[in-house]
Protein backbone atom coordinates (compact mmCIF):
# COMPACT_ATOMS: atom_id res chain seq x y z
CA UNK A 1 0.01 0.02 -0.06
CA UNK A 2 2.57 2.48 0.98
CA UNK A 3 4.65 1.64 -2.27
CA UNK A 4 1.55 2.83 -4.12
CA UNK A 5 1.32 6.21 -2.27
CA UNK A 6 5.04 6.91 -1.98
CA UNK A 7 5.34 8.93 -5.13
CA UNK A 8 2.55 11.32 -3.86
CA UNK A 9 4.31 12.20 -0.68
CA UNK A 10 7.82 11.83 -1.91
CA UNK A 11 7.13 14.67 -4.41
CA UNK A 12 6.18 17.00 -1.48
CA UNK A 13 8.90 15.76 0.86
CA UNK A 14 11.48 16.86 -1.77
CA UNK A 15 10.33 20.52 -1.64
CA UNK A 16 12.22 22.92 0.72
CA UNK A 17 8.93 24.33 2.12
CA UNK A 18 7.93 20.88 3.62
CA UNK A 19 8.52 20.36 7.27
CA UNK A 20 7.22 16.94 7.80
CA UNK A 21 5.21 14.03 6.39
CA UNK A 22 3.15 11.57 8.47
CA UNK A 23 1.14 8.49 7.47
CA UNK A 24 -1.99 7.68 9.57
CA UNK A 25 -3.59 4.28 8.89
CA UNK A 26 -7.15 3.32 9.63
CA UNK A 27 -7.60 1.19 12.61
CA UNK A 28 -10.32 -1.41 12.94
CA UNK A 29 -12.49 0.31 15.54
CA UNK A 30 -11.58 3.92 15.05
CA UNK A 31 -12.64 4.73 11.56
CA UNK A 32 -13.45 8.30 12.56
CA UNK A 33 -9.90 9.16 13.19
CA UNK A 34 -9.26 8.90 9.41
CA UNK A 35 -12.69 10.00 8.38
CA UNK A 36 -13.22 6.30 7.07
CA UNK A 37 -10.19 6.65 4.82
CA UNK A 38 -7.78 3.66 4.86
CA UNK A 39 -4.76 6.09 4.81
CA UNK A 40 -4.30 9.88 5.59
CA UNK A 41 -1.18 11.48 4.47
CA UNK A 42 -0.49 14.64 6.62
CA UNK A 43 2.00 17.14 5.14
CA UNK A 44 3.06 20.14 7.13
CA UNK A 45 4.49 22.99 5.20
CA UNK A 46 6.06 26.30 6.15
CA UNK A 47 3.87 28.46 3.85
CA UNK A 48 1.21 27.93 1.27
CA UNK A 49 -1.49 29.93 -0.61
CA UNK A 50 -4.04 28.07 1.24
CA UNK A 51 -3.91 27.17 4.98
CA UNK A 52 -5.53 23.80 4.20
CA UNK A 53 -5.43 21.67 0.95
CA UNK A 54 -7.03 18.21 0.72
CA UNK A 55 -6.94 15.77 -2.06
CA UNK A 56 -8.64 12.40 -2.28
CA UNK A 57 -7.32 9.22 -3.98
CA UNK A 58 -8.56 5.69 -4.84
CA UNK A 59 -6.16 2.72 -5.30
CA UNK A 60 -7.20 -0.98 -5.67
CA UNK A 61 -10.28 -1.15 -3.33
CA UNK A 62 -9.08 1.44 -0.98
CA UNK A 63 -9.09 5.12 -0.55
CA UNK A 64 -6.58 7.68 0.81
CA UNK A 65 -6.57 11.44 1.78
CA UNK A 66 -3.79 13.89 1.34
CA UNK A 67 -3.92 16.82 3.81
CA UNK A 68 -1.45 19.70 3.29
CA UNK A 69 -1.59 22.20 6.16
CA UNK A 70 0.56 25.22 7.05
CA UNK A 71 2.59 25.46 10.17
CA UNK A 72 0.36 28.51 11.29
CA UNK A 73 -2.80 26.56 10.73
CA UNK A 74 -1.57 23.53 12.57
CA UNK A 75 -0.68 25.63 15.62
CA UNK A 76 -4.04 27.29 15.55
CA UNK A 77 -5.86 23.92 15.59
CA UNK A 78 -3.57 22.83 18.47
CA UNK A 79 -4.34 25.97 20.45
CA UNK A 80 -7.99 26.35 19.83
CA UNK A 81 -8.84 22.58 19.67
CA UNK A 82 -11.03 23.01 16.56
CA UNK A 83 -9.64 19.97 14.87
CA UNK A 84 -9.53 17.13 17.41
CA UNK A 85 -8.16 14.56 14.96
CA UNK A 86 -5.00 16.50 14.62
CA UNK A 87 -3.70 15.29 17.98
CA UNK A 88 -4.47 11.68 17.16
CA UNK A 89 -2.53 12.15 13.89
CA UNK A 90 0.43 13.72 15.48
CA UNK A 91 0.64 11.25 18.37
CA UNK A 92 0.17 8.01 16.44
CA UNK A 93 0.97 8.93 12.87
CA UNK A 94 4.08 7.32 11.51
CA UNK A 95 6.73 9.90 10.62
CA UNK A 96 7.89 9.37 7.07
CA UNK A 97 9.85 12.60 6.57
CA UNK A 98 11.03 15.18 9.24
CA UNK A 99 13.06 18.05 8.17
CA UNK A 100 15.53 19.20 10.95
CA UNK A 101 13.56 17.03 13.40
CA UNK A 102 10.47 19.52 13.26
CA UNK A 103 8.00 16.76 13.84
CA UNK A 104 9.95 15.12 16.56
CA UNK A 105 10.19 18.55 18.39
CA UNK A 106 6.44 19.26 17.88
CA UNK A 107 5.45 15.98 19.39
CA UNK A 108 7.96 16.55 22.33
CA UNK A 109 6.30 19.95 22.95
CA UNK A 110 2.86 18.46 22.91
CA UNK A 111 4.00 15.74 25.39
CA UNK A 112 5.63 18.36 27.71
CA UNK A 113 2.88 20.82 27.35
CA UNK A 114 4.71 24.00 28.35
CA UNK A 115 3.14 26.30 31.01
CA UNK A 116 2.69 29.18 28.47
CA UNK A 117 0.75 26.94 26.10
CA UNK A 118 -1.22 25.53 28.91
CA UNK A 119 -2.44 29.09 30.01
CA UNK A 120 -3.34 29.97 26.51
CA UNK A 121 -5.48 26.75 26.04
CA UNK A 122 -6.93 27.24 29.54
CA UNK A 123 -7.95 30.75 28.35
CA UNK A 124 -9.62 29.34 25.22
CA UNK A 125 -11.72 26.76 27.08
CA UNK A 126 -12.62 29.05 30.03
CA UNK A 127 -14.02 31.85 27.67
CA UNK A 128 -16.02 29.15 25.70
CA UNK A 129 -17.32 27.77 28.99
CA UNK A 130 -18.39 31.13 30.28
CA UNK A 131 -20.23 31.95 27.11
CA UNK A 132 -22.16 28.49 27.03
CA UNK A 133 -22.85 28.71 30.94
CA UNK A 134 -24.21 32.23 30.85
CA UNK A 135 -26.30 31.57 27.61
CA UNK A 136 -27.63 28.47 29.23
CA UNK A 137 -28.51 30.22 32.48
CA UNK A 138 -30.25 32.87 30.48
CA UNK A 139 -32.33 30.32 28.68
CA UNK A 140 -33.15 28.55 31.94
CA UNK A 141 -34.34 31.65 33.49
CA UNK A 142 -36.71 32.34 30.62
CA UNK A 143 -37.89 28.64 30.82
CA UNK A 144 -36.40 27.64 27.61
CA UNK A 145 -35.20 24.24 29.09
CA UNK A 146 -34.22 22.36 25.93
CA UNK A 147 -32.03 25.38 24.74
CA UNK A 148 -30.61 25.72 28.33
CA UNK A 149 -29.90 21.97 28.23
CA UNK A 150 -28.00 22.23 24.85
CA UNK A 151 -25.80 24.93 26.28
CA UNK A 152 -25.17 23.17 29.54
CA UNK A 153 -24.01 20.04 27.73
CA UNK A 154 -21.48 22.20 25.81
CA UNK A 155 -20.39 24.01 28.96
CA UNK A 156 -19.68 20.81 30.84
CA UNK A 157 -17.62 19.62 27.81
CA UNK A 158 -15.63 22.82 28.08
CA UNK A 159 -15.31 22.32 31.83
CA UNK A 160 -14.05 18.80 31.23
CA UNK A 161 -11.36 19.98 28.72
CA UNK A 162 -10.35 22.66 31.21
CA UNK A 163 -9.82 20.07 33.86
CA UNK A 164 -7.67 17.98 31.49
CA UNK A 165 -5.53 20.92 30.44
CA UNK A 166 -5.17 22.06 34.21
CA UNK A 167 -3.68 18.69 34.87
CA UNK A 168 -1.10 19.06 32.12
CA UNK A 169 -2.74 17.05 29.25
CA UNK A 170 -4.17 17.87 25.87
CA UNK A 171 -7.85 17.04 25.67
CA UNK A 172 -8.15 14.27 23.03
CA UNK A 173 -11.26 13.04 21.15
CA UNK A 174 -12.31 10.75 24.17
CA UNK A 175 -12.26 13.57 26.59
CA UNK A 176 -14.74 11.99 28.89
CA UNK A 177 -12.52 9.03 29.44
CA UNK A 178 -9.74 11.26 30.39
CA UNK A 179 -11.78 13.50 32.81
CA UNK A 180 -13.37 10.35 34.44
CA UNK A 181 -9.84 9.57 35.76
CA UNK A 182 -8.71 13.15 36.24
CA UNK A 183 -11.87 14.92 37.90
CA UNK A 184 -14.55 12.33 38.40
CA UNK A 185 -16.70 15.10 39.97
CA UNK A 186 -17.19 16.67 36.59
CA UNK A 187 -17.81 13.24 35.01
CA UNK A 188 -20.45 12.59 37.57
CA UNK A 189 -22.25 15.89 36.83
CA UNK A 190 -22.33 15.02 33.09
CA UNK A 191 -23.74 11.51 33.79
CA UNK A 192 -26.41 12.78 36.05
CA UNK A 193 -27.48 15.48 33.59
CA UNK A 194 -27.68 12.87 30.89
CA UNK A 195 -29.09 9.97 32.80
CA UNK A 196 -31.20 11.21 35.73
CA UNK A 197 -34.77 10.50 35.72
CA UNK A 198 -35.61 13.98 37.35
CA UNK A 199 -37.62 16.53 35.49
CA UNK A 200 -35.32 18.53 33.11
CA UNK A 201 -35.92 21.83 35.04
CA UNK A 202 -34.71 20.12 38.29
CA UNK A 203 -31.71 18.69 36.61
CA UNK A 204 -30.69 21.86 35.15
CA UNK A 205 -31.31 23.73 38.38
CA UNK A 206 -29.05 21.40 40.51
CA UNK A 207 -26.35 21.43 37.71
CA UNK A 208 -26.21 25.29 37.59
CA UNK A 209 -25.61 25.26 41.42
CA UNK A 210 -22.86 22.62 41.13
CA UNK A 211 -21.23 24.22 38.12
CA UNK A 212 -21.12 27.76 39.75
CA UNK A 213 -18.76 26.25 42.42
CA UNK A 214 -16.64 24.41 39.88
CA UNK A 215 -16.28 27.36 37.68
CA UNK A 216 -15.32 29.71 40.51
CA UNK A 217 -12.60 27.27 41.78
CA UNK A 218 -11.00 27.28 38.23
CA UNK A 219 -11.31 31.08 37.51
CA UNK A 220 -8.11 32.34 38.83
CA UNK A 221 -5.86 29.77 37.08
CA UNK A 222 -7.91 29.96 33.87
CA UNK A 223 -7.52 33.67 33.40
CA UNK A 224 -3.63 33.90 34.00
CA UNK A 225 -3.21 34.34 30.22
CA UNK A 226 -5.53 37.35 29.87
CA UNK A 227 -4.46 38.80 33.23
CA UNK A 228 -0.76 38.62 32.26
CA UNK A 229 -1.57 40.74 29.06
CA UNK A 230 -3.74 43.21 30.84
CA UNK A 231 -1.07 44.02 33.38
CA UNK A 232 1.07 45.28 30.46
CA UNK A 233 -0.93 48.61 30.52
CA UNK A 234 -2.60 50.68 33.11
CA UNK A 235 -5.95 50.18 31.44
CA UNK A 236 -7.33 49.04 28.15
CA UNK A 237 -10.32 50.10 25.90
CA UNK A 238 -12.19 47.33 24.36
CA UNK A 239 -10.71 48.30 20.92
CA UNK A 240 -7.24 48.04 22.35
CA UNK A 241 -8.12 44.48 23.41
CA UNK A 242 -9.52 43.31 20.12
CA UNK A 243 -6.51 44.85 18.27
CA UNK A 244 -4.08 42.86 20.54
CA UNK A 245 -3.21 39.87 18.22
CA UNK A 246 -2.71 37.54 20.97
CA UNK A 247 -6.02 38.27 22.74
CA UNK A 248 -7.98 38.28 19.52
CA UNK A 249 -6.46 34.90 18.43
CA UNK A 250 -7.11 33.29 21.69
CA UNK A 251 -10.52 34.68 22.61
CA UNK A 252 -12.09 35.99 19.39
CA UNK A 253 -15.80 36.58 19.76
CA UNK A 254 -15.86 35.36 23.29
CA UNK A 255 -13.72 38.22 24.57
CA UNK A 256 -16.60 40.62 25.35
CA UNK A 257 -18.52 38.09 27.28
CA UNK A 258 -15.44 37.04 29.22
CA UNK A 259 -14.64 40.64 30.20
CA UNK A 260 -18.14 41.13 31.51
CA UNK A 261 -18.02 37.95 33.52
CA UNK A 262 -14.70 38.89 35.06
CA UNK A 263 -15.97 42.35 35.97
CA UNK A 264 -19.05 40.71 37.66
CA UNK A 265 -16.65 38.46 39.72
CA UNK A 266 -14.35 41.33 40.53
CA UNK A 267 -11.33 39.96 38.63
CA UNK A 268 -11.42 43.00 36.31
CA UNK A 269 -12.22 46.70 37.11
CA UNK A 270 -13.96 49.29 35.04
CA UNK A 271 -12.20 52.59 34.74
CA UNK A 272 -14.36 55.55 33.79
CA UNK A 273 -12.79 58.50 31.82
CA UNK A 274 -14.63 61.71 31.19
CA UNK A 275 -15.79 62.49 27.69
CA UNK A 276 -16.72 65.81 26.23
CA UNK A 277 -20.42 64.96 26.82
CA UNK A 278 -21.63 65.64 30.34
CA UNK A 279 -22.37 62.49 32.37
CA UNK A 280 -20.96 60.11 29.63
CA UNK A 281 -17.68 58.28 30.20
CA UNK A 282 -15.33 56.25 28.32
CA UNK A 283 -15.11 52.75 29.73
CA UNK A 284 -11.73 51.14 30.11
CA UNK A 285 -10.50 47.81 31.84
CA UNK A 286 -7.80 46.93 34.15
CA UNK A 287 -6.94 43.82 36.39
CA UNK A 288 -8.42 44.19 39.76
CA UNK A 289 -6.24 44.25 42.85
CA UNK A 290 -8.14 41.25 44.14
CA UNK A 291 -5.97 38.46 45.54
């Protein structure tokens, strides 16, 4: 099989722009990892016109996929967790070509999970958690219980991922298997929400109470990334925040909701600065002195 596919990836490996080539084979009970393809060839390049290029092939009675991704796109997926398969591919893919040990160093970095990367990923998950939690609570208070349920399930998923990251691991596709071992309390909440025979309203009410405590216990550690950036200036306008490349990359559309939550919980303070209009103030933000 590899003999058939070799000319395809060898052509790419010979190019100076190519950083690494990995081969991922379909395993019997994990067809989703390769999107049902028998083989996936993952090629990481320094630069390209498109961040992602995918091509499909048929050979004998099998099918293969070629994925060419830029280094920037790969790092974005790793940070934001928007392509869960990429971790499986990097962990278990067979390295066929590795320019200057790029892939080896990347895999080592994923395994070590440096503190700065952990802070960023915790920030990502916490911001998503807060958005889902607050949306769910608003739906619940307006008696839209099914919509609240949908947001609560997602918020628990982000809480589970947050717990995995906090313990020094990357969340994988089977995140609930991970969190069952790491923080069984969160796993138990999820199971009770899904399996309980209590009325939906009652299940949600109990879960919001329990989640409030868990979220509070993780807030200080989860906001270290944004706090570190905010301390670089005395105070920030919201436009300053979204123009900061690092903040916008990590938090994107969730930034506004996160800021308001942190104000409510006294982690961030509002600074009012006079405008030319009477009784109207510019609204700026700074890290609270709260311990």
